[in-house]
Amino acid sequence: MTRWNRRLLVSAGLLALTRMACSAAADVPAFFHNEGCGCCHGWAEHMARAGLPVKLVATPDLSGEYARHGVPHQFESCHVGKIAGYVISGHVPPDDIFRLLDSRPAAAGLIVPGMPVGSPGMEYDGQTEPYDVLLLDRDGSTSVFSRHS
């Protein structure tokens, strides 16, 4: 193999690897949050450890992002985005997201209103408070998807 052919082969391989890396990075869902919110980073770490990496994007208009994602005002939390077409809002545990993706209900997504202590990213001195993960239907109604205590 000539030096020119070797260079061409190496260049083609590097181009293919770069495209694969860019494609994988493009598939990481963006979650919008208020800048400086540390709990969002904690939640993102839980997601990454579970095999669901997310990219956090600070926004000055989080309420606008909630509106664009179809989350009713009373259910807002501190971050919102989409995974596989489903809205995920607030400190939803990764296991609940996996269950949603496995069952594929005809729904808009999952929400955890507020910022319950003990939810992923909201750990504090071993304290916990009970909270519900709500299934958000496409009409804006909700039902309990799971309970955590």
Protein backbone atom coordinates (compact mmCIF):
# COMPACT_ATOMS: atom_id res chain seq x y z
CA MET A 1 0.00 0.00 0.00
CA THR A 2 1.43 3.35 -0.98
CA ARG A 3 1.81 6.20 1.47
CA TRP A 4 -0.93 8.11 -0.39
CA ASN A 5 -3.40 5.20 -0.13
CA ARG A 6 -2.61 4.80 3.57
CA ARG A 7 -3.29 8.50 4.19
CA LEU A 8 -6.54 8.27 2.27
CA LEU A 9 -7.63 5.21 4.25
CA VAL A 10 -6.75 6.81 7.61
CA SER A 11 -8.53 10.04 6.62
CA ALA A 12 -11.67 8.14 5.61
CA GLY A 13 -11.64 6.25 8.90
CA LEU A 14 -11.24 9.46 10.91
CA LEU A 15 -14.07 11.08 8.97
CA ALA A 16 -16.35 8.12 9.70
CA LEU A 17 -15.49 8.22 13.42
CA THR A 18 -16.10 11.98 13.54
CA ARG A 19 -19.51 11.55 11.91
CA MET A 20 -20.43 8.80 14.36
CA ALA A 21 -19.39 10.95 17.33
CA CYS A 22 -21.32 13.96 16.02
CA SER A 23 -24.38 11.81 15.39
CA ALA A 24 -24.23 10.38 18.91
CA ALA A 25 -23.85 13.87 20.39
CA ALA A 26 -26.82 15.10 18.37
CA ASP A 27 -28.95 12.31 19.85
CA VAL A 28 -28.38 13.51 23.44
CA PRO A 29 -31.60 15.26 24.46
CA ALA A 30 -31.46 18.89 25.59
CA PHE A 31 -33.07 19.87 28.89
CA PHE A 32 -33.73 23.51 29.61
CA HIS A 33 -33.13 24.90 33.10
CA ASN A 34 -32.47 28.09 35.02
CA GLU A 35 -28.81 29.00 35.05
CA GLY A 36 -27.15 28.28 38.39
CA CYS A 37 -29.59 25.56 39.40
CA GLY A 38 -27.37 22.88 40.96
CA CYS A 39 -30.08 20.29 41.43
CA CYS A 40 -30.53 20.05 37.65
CA HIS A 41 -26.91 18.97 37.35
CA GLY A 42 -27.49 16.38 40.08
CA TRP A 43 -30.49 15.01 38.17
CA ALA A 44 -28.43 14.94 34.94
CA GLU A 45 -25.75 12.90 36.75
CA HIS A 46 -28.40 10.36 37.82
CA MET A 47 -29.56 10.18 34.21
CA ALA A 48 -26.04 9.65 32.86
CA ARG A 49 -25.31 6.89 35.40
CA ALA A 50 -28.53 5.16 34.29
CA GLY A 51 -27.46 5.32 30.64
CA LEU A 52 -29.68 8.26 29.65
CA PRO A 53 -27.27 11.18 29.21
CA VAL A 54 -28.83 14.62 28.80
CA LYS A 55 -27.42 18.00 27.87
CA LEU A 56 -28.42 20.90 30.13
CA VAL A 57 -29.11 24.21 28.41
CA ALA A 58 -29.50 27.33 30.56
CA THR A 59 -32.35 29.58 29.47
CA PRO A 60 -33.60 32.96 30.66
CA ASP A 61 -37.16 31.92 29.71
CA LEU A 62 -37.87 28.62 31.48
CA SER A 63 -41.61 29.33 31.67
CA GLY A 64 -41.57 29.75 27.89
CA GLU A 65 -39.89 26.34 27.53
CA TYR A 66 -42.59 24.78 29.70
CA ALA A 67 -45.25 26.34 27.49
CA ARG A 68 -43.46 25.13 24.31
CA HIS A 69 -43.31 21.61 25.78
CA GLY A 70 -47.01 21.65 26.73
CA VAL A 71 -46.51 21.45 30.51
CA PRO A 72 -49.30 23.25 32.41
CA HIS A 73 -48.05 26.11 34.60
CA GLN A 74 -49.06 24.42 37.88
CA PHE A 75 -46.71 21.50 37.14
CA GLU A 76 -43.54 23.48 36.44
CA SER A 77 -40.31 22.49 38.18
CA CYS A 78 -36.74 23.42 37.33
CA HIS A 79 -35.97 21.64 34.05
CA VAL A 80 -37.85 20.32 31.03
CA GLY A 81 -37.00 18.48 27.82
CA LYS A 82 -37.94 15.50 25.68
CA ILE A 83 -36.70 11.94 25.46
CA ALA A 84 -37.91 9.81 22.54
CA GLY A 85 -40.76 12.27 21.93
CA TYR A 86 -41.96 12.27 25.56
CA VAL A 87 -41.84 15.41 27.71
CA ILE A 88 -39.87 14.88 30.91
CA SER A 89 -40.33 17.65 33.45
CA GLY A 90 -38.72 17.90 36.86
CA HIS A 91 -36.87 15.31 38.93
CA VAL A 92 -38.29 12.19 37.26
CA PRO A 93 -36.30 9.08 38.30
CA PRO A 94 -34.55 7.27 35.44
CA ASP A 95 -36.36 4.00 36.24
CA ASP A 96 -39.70 5.70 35.60
CA ILE A 97 -38.42 7.01 32.27
CA PHE A 98 -37.32 3.49 31.29
CA ARG A 99 -40.76 2.17 32.26
CA LEU A 100 -42.40 4.88 30.14
CA LEU A 101 -40.20 4.02 27.16
CA ASP A 102 -40.91 0.30 27.56
CA SER A 103 -44.70 0.73 27.79
CA ARG A 104 -45.01 3.53 25.19
CA PRO A 105 -48.37 4.92 26.38
CA ALA A 106 -50.32 7.39 24.25
CA ALA A 107 -49.34 10.26 26.54
CA ALA A 108 -47.33 13.48 26.46
CA GLY A 109 -44.81 12.45 29.12
CA LEU A 110 -43.88 12.40 32.80
CA ILE A 111 -43.71 15.21 35.33
CA VAL A 112 -42.62 15.67 38.92
CA PRO A 113 -44.04 19.00 40.06
CA GLY A 114 -41.93 21.09 42.41
CA MET A 115 -38.63 19.92 43.81
CA PRO A 116 -39.29 17.07 46.28
CA VAL A 117 -36.47 16.35 48.73
CA GLY A 118 -34.99 12.92 48.08
CA SER A 119 -35.85 12.82 44.37
CA PRO A 120 -32.90 12.39 41.94
CA GLY A 121 -30.75 15.50 42.24
CA MET A 122 -32.58 16.70 45.35
CA GLU A 123 -30.77 14.56 47.92
CA TYR A 124 -30.23 16.31 51.23
CA ASP A 125 -28.82 14.74 54.43
CA GLY A 126 -30.61 11.45 53.75
CA GLN A 127 -33.99 13.17 54.02
CA THR A 128 -36.87 12.18 51.77
CA GLU A 129 -40.43 13.25 51.25
CA PRO A 130 -43.09 11.28 49.39
CA TYR A 131 -43.76 12.39 45.84
CA ASP A 132 -45.66 11.24 42.79
CA VAL A 133 -44.49 10.99 39.21
CA LEU A 134 -47.43 12.04 37.06
CA LEU A 135 -48.29 10.82 33.59
CA LEU A 136 -49.17 13.89 31.53
CA ASP A 137 -51.84 13.10 28.96
CA ARG A 138 -51.98 14.95 25.66
CA ASP A 139 -55.10 16.83 26.81
CA GLY A 140 -53.19 18.25 29.81
CA SER A 141 -54.78 15.96 32.39
CA THR A 142 -52.62 13.85 34.70
CA SER A 143 -52.70 10.54 36.54
CA VAL A 144 -50.27 8.97 38.99
CA PHE A 145 -47.61 6.97 37.14
CA SER A 146 -45.58 6.00 40.22
CA ARG A 147 -45.20 6.85 43.91
CA HIS A 148 -41.94 7.33 45.76
CA SER A 149 -41.33 7.67 49.48
